[in-house]
Amino acid sequence: MSTVVDTVEFIGYKKLAAAIIRLAAIDVLMLPERHAYRINAEEFFESEWFYGLADLIDLDPDCLRDKLLDNKTSYKRRERRETAIA
């Protein structure tokens, strides 16, 4: 039988898992390609740890990785376009 404390702790773990994934996604999208944090974040998205955290928060890990790749590509295009205009 689960107690209120157990439920609150589980919600806290879900929030922590979501924050870890969110920060790694920001690193992939915003940091330069050879930045150590970005490389670590890209490795994280290939790891079993990412799949475990994604499962904890009911997230489709493959879908997120595909969206990150699409956003990363479109972000680079937008950044190049803005640099060319300026």
Protein backbone atom coordinates (compact mmCIF):
# COMPACT_ATOMS: atom_id res chain seq x y z
CA MET A 1 0.00 0.00 0.00
CA SER A 2 1.43 3.33 -1.07
CA THR A 3 1.47 6.25 1.31
CA VAL A 4 1.17 9.95 0.53
CA VAL A 5 4.90 10.33 1.21
CA ASP A 6 5.69 7.61 -1.35
CA THR A 7 3.49 9.35 -3.91
CA VAL A 8 5.08 12.75 -3.28
CA GLU A 9 8.58 11.24 -3.52
CA PHE A 10 7.69 9.53 -6.81
CA ILE A 11 6.38 12.82 -8.25
CA GLY A 12 9.64 14.45 -7.18
CA TYR A 13 11.62 11.78 -9.03
CA LYS A 14 9.53 12.32 -12.14
CA LYS A 15 10.21 16.06 -12.01
CA LEU A 16 13.92 15.40 -11.57
CA ALA A 17 13.94 13.00 -14.54
CA ALA A 18 12.14 15.56 -16.71
CA ALA A 19 14.58 18.29 -15.68
CA ILE A 20 17.61 16.12 -16.54
CA ILE A 21 16.20 15.35 -19.99
CA ARG A 22 15.24 18.99 -20.58
CA LEU A 23 18.72 20.27 -19.66
CA ALA A 24 20.39 17.70 -21.93
CA ALA A 25 18.10 18.74 -24.78
CA ILE A 26 19.02 22.40 -24.25
CA ASP A 27 22.71 21.47 -24.37
CA VAL A 28 22.24 19.60 -27.65
CA LEU A 29 20.29 22.45 -29.23
CA MET A 30 22.25 25.46 -27.99
CA LEU A 31 25.89 24.56 -27.46
CA PRO A 32 28.57 24.44 -30.17
CA GLU A 33 29.15 21.01 -31.70
CA ARG A 34 32.49 20.36 -29.99
CA HIS A 35 31.51 21.65 -26.56
CA ALA A 36 32.09 19.00 -23.89
CA TYR A 37 28.62 19.41 -22.36
CA ARG A 38 26.97 18.96 -25.74
CA ILE A 39 28.99 15.83 -26.47
CA ASN A 40 28.00 14.45 -23.06
CA ALA A 41 24.35 15.30 -23.72
CA GLU A 42 24.42 13.57 -27.11
CA GLU A 43 25.94 10.49 -25.46
CA PHE A 44 23.25 10.67 -22.78
CA PHE A 45 20.52 10.43 -25.43
CA GLU A 46 22.10 7.19 -26.63
CA SER A 47 22.33 5.69 -23.13
CA GLU A 48 20.18 3.23 -21.22
CA TRP A 49 19.92 5.84 -18.48
CA PHE A 50 18.03 8.16 -20.85
CA TYR A 51 15.68 5.33 -21.81
CA GLY A 52 15.05 4.58 -18.13
CA LEU A 53 14.29 8.20 -17.30
CA ALA A 54 12.08 8.56 -20.38
CA ASP A 55 10.15 5.47 -19.30
CA LEU A 56 9.70 6.94 -15.80
CA ILE A 57 8.00 10.05 -17.21
CA ASP A 58 6.07 8.19 -19.95
CA LEU A 59 8.08 9.75 -22.77
CA ASP A 60 8.78 8.09 -26.10
CA PRO A 61 12.60 8.30 -26.21
CA ASP A 62 12.92 7.66 -29.94
CA CYS A 63 10.36 10.35 -30.76
CA LEU A 64 12.22 12.87 -28.60
CA ARG A 65 15.55 12.03 -30.22
CA ASP A 66 14.00 12.49 -33.69
CA LYS A 67 12.51 15.85 -32.68
CA LEU A 68 15.83 16.97 -31.23
CA LEU A 69 17.58 16.12 -34.47
CA ASP A 70 14.96 18.01 -36.51
CA ASN A 71 15.11 21.04 -34.18
CA LYS A 72 18.89 21.02 -34.11
CA THR A 73 18.97 21.11 -37.91
CA SER A 74 16.32 23.85 -38.19
CA TYR A 75 18.03 25.86 -35.41
CA LYS A 76 21.33 25.75 -37.33
CA ARG A 77 19.59 26.85 -40.53
CA ARG A 78 17.86 29.73 -38.72
CA GLU A 79 21.14 30.76 -37.06
CA ARG A 80 22.97 30.80 -40.43
CA ARG A 81 20.14 32.79 -42.01
CA GLU A 82 20.17 35.38 -39.21
CA THR A 83 23.96 35.69 -39.44
CA ALA A 84 23.77 36.18 -43.22
CA ILE A 85 21.11 38.89 -42.85
CA ALA A 86 23.04 40.82 -40.18
